[in-house]
Amino acid sequence: MNLQRQQPKVIRQALSAKTIAIVGLSANPLRPSYGVARYLLDAGYEVIPVNPREQEVLGLTCYPDLASVPVAIDMVDVFRESAAVAEIARQAVAVKAKFLWLQLGVISDEGVAIAEAGGMQCVVDLCTKIEHRLTT
């Protein structure tokens, strides 16, 4: 793993994003994705739920994939299994997102390679909520 992905500078740049698409965001308040999304909303981010199994999360319209999101996306925050990351990275590159953030336990060298080849910066195996709390 490229340690530059975990450098504070890259993390701070990623957290300067305004619009965050959360892939795998669940409407279940007991799921980590829900708590992180609630925190990011409260911190002033525009959160966009992406999950084909949900219609609405936290009062926000949920989209089935990144291509369906009607606004520009700064960061793609991934709460999916590692095996799904390569396809998510392809979608993130296609919509010209700037950052791919893989949550705790989500690690995909292939997905990171796809994202980086597409000009994105990546953060791997860290939580946006925790890192935001540490940097603010």
N, C-alpha and C. Protein backbone atom coordinates (compact mmCIF):
# COMPACT_ATOMS: atom_id res chain seq x y z
N MET A 1 0.85 -1.18 0.00
CA MET A 1 0.00 0.00 0.00
C MET A 1 0.89 1.24 0.00
N ASN A 2 0.53 2.22 -0.79
CA ASN A 2 1.25 3.48 -0.89
C ASN A 2 0.94 4.31 0.36
N LEU A 3 1.97 4.55 1.16
CA LEU A 3 1.74 5.27 2.42
C LEU A 3 1.31 6.71 2.20
N GLN A 4 1.57 7.27 1.01
CA GLN A 4 1.14 8.65 0.74
C GLN A 4 -0.37 8.77 0.87
N ARG A 5 -1.10 7.69 0.61
CA ARG A 5 -2.55 7.73 0.73
C ARG A 5 -2.99 8.04 2.15
N GLN A 6 -2.13 7.73 3.11
CA GLN A 6 -2.51 7.91 4.51
C GLN A 6 -1.86 9.14 5.13
N GLN A 7 -1.12 9.91 4.33
CA GLN A 7 -0.47 11.09 4.87
C GLN A 7 -1.52 12.14 5.27
N PRO A 8 -1.25 12.85 6.35
CA PRO A 8 -2.20 13.87 6.80
C PRO A 8 -2.58 14.87 5.72
N LYS A 9 -1.65 15.24 4.84
CA LYS A 9 -1.96 16.21 3.79
C LYS A 9 -3.07 15.68 2.88
N VAL A 10 -2.97 14.42 2.46
CA VAL A 10 -3.98 13.83 1.57
C VAL A 10 -5.32 13.71 2.30
N ILE A 11 -5.27 13.33 3.56
CA ILE A 11 -6.50 13.21 4.35
C ILE A 11 -7.17 14.58 4.49
N ARG A 12 -6.38 15.61 4.80
CA ARG A 12 -6.94 16.97 4.92
C ARG A 12 -7.54 17.42 3.59
N GLN A 13 -6.85 17.16 2.48
CA GLN A 13 -7.37 17.54 1.17
C GLN A 13 -8.70 16.84 0.90
N ALA A 14 -8.76 15.56 1.22
CA ALA A 14 -10.00 14.80 1.00
C ALA A 14 -11.12 15.37 1.87
N LEU A 15 -10.81 15.72 3.10
CA LEU A 15 -11.83 16.26 4.01
C LEU A 15 -12.23 17.68 3.66
N SER A 16 -11.52 18.33 2.73
CA SER A 16 -11.93 19.65 2.26
C SER A 16 -13.02 19.56 1.20
N ALA A 17 -13.38 18.34 0.84
CA ALA A 17 -14.47 18.10 -0.13
C ALA A 17 -15.75 18.74 0.38
N LYS A 18 -16.60 19.12 -0.53
CA LYS A 18 -17.91 19.68 -0.16
C LYS A 18 -19.02 18.65 -0.33
N THR A 19 -18.92 17.86 -1.41
CA THR A 19 -19.97 16.90 -1.76
C THR A 19 -19.40 15.49 -1.65
N ILE A 20 -20.03 14.68 -0.79
CA ILE A 20 -19.56 13.32 -0.55
C ILE A 20 -20.66 12.33 -0.89
N ALA A 21 -20.38 11.48 -1.87
CA ALA A 21 -21.29 10.38 -2.19
C ALA A 21 -20.89 9.19 -1.33
N ILE A 22 -21.83 8.69 -0.54
CA ILE A 22 -21.54 7.56 0.34
C ILE A 22 -22.14 6.30 -0.30
N VAL A 23 -21.24 5.46 -0.82
CA VAL A 23 -21.66 4.24 -1.51
C VAL A 23 -21.85 3.13 -0.47
N GLY A 24 -23.06 2.59 -0.44
CA GLY A 24 -23.38 1.57 0.55
C GLY A 24 -24.05 2.15 1.79
N LEU A 25 -24.50 3.40 1.70
CA LEU A 25 -25.18 4.03 2.84
C LEU A 25 -26.50 3.31 3.11
N SER A 26 -26.66 2.88 4.35
CA SER A 26 -27.84 2.13 4.77
C SER A 26 -28.81 3.04 5.53
N ALA A 27 -30.10 2.76 5.38
CA ALA A 27 -31.13 3.47 6.14
C ALA A 27 -31.25 2.94 7.57
N ASN A 28 -30.52 1.88 7.88
CA ASN A 28 -30.55 1.29 9.22
C ASN A 28 -29.66 2.12 10.15
N PRO A 29 -30.26 2.77 11.16
CA PRO A 29 -29.47 3.62 12.07
C PRO A 29 -28.39 2.87 12.85
N LEU A 30 -28.45 1.56 12.87
CA LEU A 30 -27.44 0.78 13.59
C LEU A 30 -26.20 0.50 12.75
N ARG A 31 -26.25 0.79 11.46
CA ARG A 31 -25.12 0.54 10.57
C ARG A 31 -24.11 1.69 10.67
N PRO A 32 -22.81 1.37 10.63
CA PRO A 32 -21.80 2.43 10.69
C PRO A 32 -21.97 3.51 9.62
N SER A 33 -22.39 3.13 8.42
CA SER A 33 -22.54 4.11 7.34
C SER A 33 -23.56 5.19 7.72
N TYR A 34 -24.61 4.80 8.40
CA TYR A 34 -25.65 5.74 8.80
C TYR A 34 -25.08 6.78 9.79
N GLY A 35 -24.36 6.29 10.80
CA GLY A 35 -23.77 7.19 11.79
C GLY A 35 -22.76 8.15 11.18
N VAL A 36 -21.95 7.65 10.26
CA VAL A 36 -20.97 8.50 9.60
C VAL A 36 -21.68 9.55 8.75
N ALA A 37 -22.69 9.13 8.00
CA ALA A 37 -23.44 10.08 7.16
C ALA A 37 -24.09 11.16 8.00
N ARG A 38 -24.70 10.78 9.10
CA ARG A 38 -25.34 11.76 10.00
C ARG A 38 -24.29 12.76 10.50
N TYR A 39 -23.13 12.25 10.91
CA TYR A 39 -22.05 13.12 11.39
C TYR A 39 -21.61 14.08 10.29
N LEU A 40 -21.38 13.57 9.08
CA LEU A 40 -20.92 14.42 7.98
C LEU A 40 -21.95 15.48 7.61
N LEU A 41 -23.23 15.12 7.64
CA LEU A 41 -24.28 16.11 7.41
C LEU A 41 -24.22 17.21 8.47
N ASP A 42 -24.10 16.81 9.73
CA ASP A 42 -24.04 17.77 10.83
C ASP A 42 -22.79 18.65 10.74
N ALA A 43 -21.72 18.13 10.11
CA ALA A 43 -20.48 18.88 9.95
C ALA A 43 -20.53 19.81 8.75
N GLY A 44 -21.64 19.79 7.99
CA GLY A 44 -21.81 20.73 6.91
C GLY A 44 -21.55 20.22 5.50
N TYR A 45 -21.27 18.93 5.38
CA TYR A 45 -21.05 18.35 4.05
C TYR A 45 -22.38 18.11 3.35
N GLU A 46 -22.34 18.13 2.02
CA GLU A 46 -23.48 17.66 1.23
C GLU A 46 -23.28 16.17 1.05
N VAL A 47 -24.16 15.37 1.60
CA VAL A 47 -24.06 13.92 1.55
C VAL A 47 -25.05 13.39 0.53
N ILE A 48 -24.57 12.50 -0.32
CA ILE A 48 -25.41 11.89 -1.34
C ILE A 48 -25.41 10.38 -1.12
N PRO A 49 -26.55 9.82 -0.71
CA PRO A 49 -26.63 8.37 -0.53
C PRO A 49 -26.60 7.63 -1.87
N VAL A 50 -25.81 6.56 -1.93
CA VAL A 50 -25.75 5.72 -3.12
C VAL A 50 -25.92 4.27 -2.66
N ASN A 51 -27.08 3.70 -3.01
CA ASN A 51 -27.37 2.32 -2.63
C ASN A 51 -28.60 1.88 -3.42
N PRO A 52 -28.48 0.89 -4.30
CA PRO A 52 -29.63 0.48 -5.11
C PRO A 52 -30.77 -0.14 -4.30
N ARG A 53 -30.52 -0.47 -3.03
CA ARG A 53 -31.55 -1.09 -2.20
C ARG A 53 -32.37 -0.09 -1.40
N GLU A 54 -31.99 1.17 -1.46
CA GLU A 54 -32.67 2.21 -0.68
C GLU A 54 -33.27 3.26 -1.61
N GLN A 55 -34.37 3.86 -1.18
CA GLN A 55 -34.99 4.97 -1.91
C GLN A 55 -34.60 6.31 -1.30
N GLU A 56 -34.50 6.31 0.04
CA GLU A 56 -34.21 7.53 0.79
C GLU A 56 -33.46 7.16 2.06
N VAL A 57 -32.46 7.97 2.41
CA VAL A 57 -31.73 7.77 3.67
C VAL A 57 -31.52 9.15 4.29
N LEU A 58 -31.83 9.28 5.55
CA LEU A 58 -31.68 10.55 6.28
C LEU A 58 -32.43 11.68 5.59
N GLY A 59 -33.57 11.35 4.98
CA GLY A 59 -34.37 12.35 4.29
C GLY A 59 -33.82 12.76 2.94
N LEU A 60 -32.79 12.08 2.47
CA LEU A 60 -32.14 12.41 1.21
C LEU A 60 -32.45 11.35 0.16
N THR A 61 -32.63 11.77 -1.08
CA THR A 61 -32.84 10.83 -2.18
C THR A 61 -31.62 9.94 -2.32
N CYS A 62 -31.85 8.65 -2.46
CA CYS A 62 -30.78 7.69 -2.61
C CYS A 62 -30.70 7.28 -4.08
N TYR A 63 -29.50 7.23 -4.62
CA TYR A 63 -29.28 6.89 -6.03
C TYR A 63 -28.72 5.47 -6.14
N PRO A 64 -29.05 4.77 -7.25
CA PRO A 64 -28.61 3.38 -7.38
C PRO A 64 -27.12 3.23 -7.69
N ASP A 65 -26.49 4.26 -8.28
CA ASP A 65 -25.07 4.21 -8.62
C ASP A 65 -24.56 5.63 -8.79
N LEU A 66 -23.25 5.76 -8.92
CA LEU A 66 -22.66 7.10 -9.03
C LEU A 66 -23.08 7.82 -10.30
N ALA A 67 -23.26 7.08 -11.38
CA ALA A 67 -23.65 7.70 -12.65
C ALA A 67 -25.01 8.38 -12.57
N SER A 68 -25.86 7.95 -11.64
CA SER A 68 -27.21 8.51 -11.50
C SER A 68 -27.24 9.80 -10.68
N VAL A 69 -26.16 10.13 -10.01
CA VAL A 69 -26.11 11.32 -9.16
C VAL A 69 -26.09 12.56 -10.05
N PRO A 70 -27.03 13.50 -9.85
CA PRO A 70 -27.16 14.64 -10.76
C PRO A 70 -26.25 15.83 -10.48
N VAL A 71 -25.38 15.73 -9.48
CA VAL A 71 -24.47 16.84 -9.16
C VAL A 71 -23.03 16.33 -9.17
N ALA A 72 -22.08 17.27 -9.21
CA ALA A 72 -20.66 16.91 -9.18
C ALA A 72 -20.33 16.33 -7.80
N ILE A 73 -19.50 15.32 -7.81
CA ILE A 73 -19.09 14.62 -6.58
C ILE A 73 -17.62 14.91 -6.32
N ASP A 74 -17.30 15.38 -5.12
CA ASP A 74 -15.90 15.60 -4.76
C ASP A 74 -15.25 14.32 -4.24
N MET A 75 -15.95 13.64 -3.33
CA MET A 75 -15.40 12.44 -2.70
C MET A 75 -16.40 11.29 -2.79
N VAL A 76 -15.88 10.10 -3.04
CA VAL A 76 -16.68 8.88 -2.98
C VAL A 76 -16.20 8.13 -1.74
N ASP A 77 -17.09 7.97 -0.77
CA ASP A 77 -16.80 7.32 0.51
C ASP A 77 -17.45 5.94 0.46
N VAL A 78 -16.63 4.89 0.57
CA VAL A 78 -17.11 3.53 0.28
C VAL A 78 -17.32 2.69 1.54
N PHE A 79 -18.57 2.26 1.73
CA PHE A 79 -18.98 1.33 2.79
C PHE A 79 -19.45 0.03 2.14
N ARG A 80 -18.64 -0.56 1.31
CA ARG A 80 -18.98 -1.82 0.63
C ARG A 80 -17.84 -2.80 0.85
N GLU A 81 -18.09 -4.06 0.51
CA GLU A 81 -17.04 -5.05 0.64
C GLU A 81 -15.92 -4.74 -0.35
N SER A 82 -14.71 -5.14 0.01
CA SER A 82 -13.54 -4.84 -0.80
C SER A 82 -13.68 -5.31 -2.24
N ALA A 83 -14.35 -6.44 -2.46
CA ALA A 83 -14.52 -6.98 -3.81
C ALA A 83 -15.31 -6.05 -4.73
N ALA A 84 -16.09 -5.15 -4.17
CA ALA A 84 -16.90 -4.23 -4.98
C ALA A 84 -16.16 -2.95 -5.36
N VAL A 85 -14.99 -2.73 -4.79
CA VAL A 85 -14.31 -1.44 -4.94
C VAL A 85 -13.85 -1.16 -6.36
N ALA A 86 -13.36 -2.15 -7.08
CA ALA A 86 -12.85 -1.90 -8.44
C ALA A 86 -13.94 -1.27 -9.31
N GLU A 87 -15.15 -1.81 -9.27
CA GLU A 87 -16.24 -1.24 -10.07
C GLU A 87 -16.64 0.14 -9.57
N ILE A 88 -16.65 0.33 -8.26
CA ILE A 88 -16.96 1.65 -7.71
C ILE A 88 -15.90 2.65 -8.15
N ALA A 89 -14.64 2.24 -8.14
CA ALA A 89 -13.56 3.13 -8.58
C ALA A 89 -13.74 3.51 -10.05
N ARG A 90 -14.13 2.56 -10.89
CA ARG A 90 -14.38 2.88 -12.31
C ARG A 90 -15.49 3.93 -12.43
N GLN A 91 -16.56 3.75 -11.66
CA GLN A 91 -17.66 4.72 -11.68
C GLN A 91 -17.20 6.08 -11.15
N ALA A 92 -16.38 6.08 -10.12
CA ALA A 92 -15.89 7.33 -9.53
C ALA A 92 -15.03 8.09 -10.53
N VAL A 93 -14.19 7.38 -11.26
CA VAL A 93 -13.37 8.01 -12.30
C VAL A 93 -14.28 8.57 -13.39
N ALA A 94 -15.28 7.81 -13.78
CA ALA A 94 -16.19 8.23 -14.85
C ALA A 94 -16.94 9.51 -14.51
N VAL A 95 -17.27 9.71 -13.23
CA VAL A 95 -17.99 10.92 -12.84
C VAL A 95 -17.02 12.04 -12.40
N LYS A 96 -15.73 11.77 -12.53
CA LYS A 96 -14.69 12.76 -12.26
C LYS A 96 -14.62 13.21 -10.79
N ALA A 97 -14.87 12.26 -9.89
CA ALA A 97 -14.68 12.56 -8.47
C ALA A 97 -13.19 12.77 -8.21
N LYS A 98 -12.87 13.53 -7.18
CA LYS A 98 -11.48 13.85 -6.88
C LYS A 98 -10.83 12.86 -5.92
N PHE A 99 -11.65 12.29 -5.03
CA PHE A 99 -11.12 11.41 -3.98
C PHE A 99 -11.93 10.13 -3.89
N LEU A 100 -11.21 9.04 -3.62
CA LEU A 100 -11.84 7.76 -3.29
C LEU A 100 -11.40 7.45 -1.86
N TRP A 101 -12.38 7.33 -0.95
CA TRP A 101 -12.09 7.06 0.46
C TRP A 101 -12.69 5.70 0.78
N LEU A 102 -11.83 4.76 1.16
CA LEU A 102 -12.27 3.42 1.53
C LEU A 102 -12.31 3.34 3.05
N GLN A 103 -13.47 3.02 3.58
CA GLN A 103 -13.69 2.98 5.02
C GLN A 103 -12.88 1.87 5.70
N LEU A 104 -12.91 1.88 7.03
CA LEU A 104 -12.20 0.88 7.83
C LEU A 104 -12.51 -0.53 7.34
N GLY A 105 -11.49 -1.30 7.07
CA GLY A 105 -11.65 -2.68 6.64
C GLY A 105 -11.88 -2.84 5.15
N VAL A 106 -12.00 -1.75 4.42
CA VAL A 106 -12.21 -1.81 2.97
C VAL A 106 -10.87 -1.53 2.30
N ILE A 107 -10.31 -2.57 1.70
CA ILE A 107 -8.97 -2.47 1.09
C ILE A 107 -9.02 -3.14 -0.28
N SER A 108 -8.60 -2.40 -1.30
CA SER A 108 -8.60 -2.95 -2.65
C SER A 108 -7.48 -2.31 -3.46
N ASP A 109 -6.39 -3.05 -3.64
CA ASP A 109 -5.28 -2.54 -4.44
C ASP A 109 -5.75 -2.26 -5.87
N GLU A 110 -6.60 -3.14 -6.41
CA GLU A 110 -7.09 -2.94 -7.77
C GLU A 110 -7.93 -1.66 -7.86
N GLY A 111 -8.83 -1.46 -6.92
CA GLY A 111 -9.67 -0.27 -6.91
C GLY A 111 -8.85 1.00 -6.79
N VAL A 112 -7.84 0.98 -5.92
CA VAL A 112 -6.96 2.13 -5.75
C VAL A 112 -6.19 2.40 -7.03
N ALA A 113 -5.68 1.35 -7.67
CA ALA A 113 -4.93 1.51 -8.92
C ALA A 113 -5.82 2.15 -10.00
N ILE A 114 -7.06 1.71 -10.08
CA ILE A 114 -8.01 2.27 -11.06
C ILE A 114 -8.25 3.75 -10.76
N ALA A 115 -8.50 4.06 -9.50
CA ALA A 115 -8.77 5.44 -9.11
C ALA A 115 -7.56 6.33 -9.37
N GLU A 116 -6.39 5.88 -8.96
CA GLU A 116 -5.19 6.69 -9.15
C GLU A 116 -4.87 6.87 -10.63
N ALA A 117 -5.07 5.84 -11.43
CA ALA A 117 -4.84 5.96 -12.87
C ALA A 117 -5.81 6.98 -13.48
N GLY A 118 -6.97 7.14 -12.86
CA GLY A 118 -7.96 8.10 -13.31
C GLY A 118 -7.78 9.49 -12.72
N GLY A 119 -6.69 9.71 -11.99
CA GLY A 119 -6.39 11.03 -11.45
C GLY A 119 -6.92 11.31 -10.06
N MET A 120 -7.48 10.30 -9.42
CA MET A 120 -8.02 10.49 -8.08
C MET A 120 -6.96 10.26 -7.01
N GLN A 121 -7.14 10.90 -5.85
CA GLN A 121 -6.33 10.58 -4.68
C GLN A 121 -7.15 9.63 -3.81
N CYS A 122 -6.45 8.78 -3.08
CA CYS A 122 -7.14 7.74 -2.31
C CYS A 122 -6.71 7.74 -0.85
N VAL A 123 -7.68 7.41 0.00
CA VAL A 123 -7.45 7.15 1.41
C VAL A 123 -8.04 5.76 1.65
N VAL A 124 -7.28 4.91 2.34
CA VAL A 124 -7.66 3.51 2.49
C VAL A 124 -7.70 3.10 3.96
N ASP A 125 -8.76 2.36 4.34
CA ASP A 125 -8.86 1.74 5.65
C ASP A 125 -8.88 2.75 6.79
N LEU A 126 -9.53 3.90 6.54
CA LEU A 126 -9.72 4.90 7.58
C LEU A 126 -11.18 5.37 7.54
N CYS A 127 -11.63 5.95 8.64
CA CYS A 127 -13.01 6.42 8.74
C CYS A 127 -13.07 7.94 8.59
N THR A 128 -13.94 8.41 7.72
CA THR A 128 -14.08 9.85 7.50
C THR A 128 -14.49 10.57 8.78
N LYS A 129 -15.38 9.98 9.55
CA LYS A 129 -15.84 10.61 10.79
C LYS A 129 -14.69 10.75 11.79
N ILE A 130 -13.95 9.70 11.98
CA ILE A 130 -12.83 9.73 12.93
C ILE A 130 -11.77 10.73 12.47
N GLU A 131 -11.42 10.68 11.19
CA GLU A 131 -10.38 11.57 10.69
C GLU A 131 -10.84 13.02 10.72
N HIS A 132 -12.11 13.28 10.46
CA HIS A 132 -12.63 14.65 10.55
C HIS A 132 -12.52 15.15 11.98
N ARG A 133 -12.88 14.33 12.93
CA ARG A 133 -12.78 14.72 14.34
C ARG A 133 -11.34 15.02 14.73
N LEU A 134 -10.39 14.28 14.17
CA LEU A 134 -8.97 14.47 14.51
C LEU A 134 -8.38 15.71 13.87
N THR A 135 -8.97 16.17 12.76
CA THR A 135 -8.37 17.30 12.03
C THR A 135 -9.11 18.62 12.26
N THR A 136 -10.21 18.59 12.99
CA THR A 136 -10.94 19.85 13.20
C THR A 136 -10.88 20.27 14.66
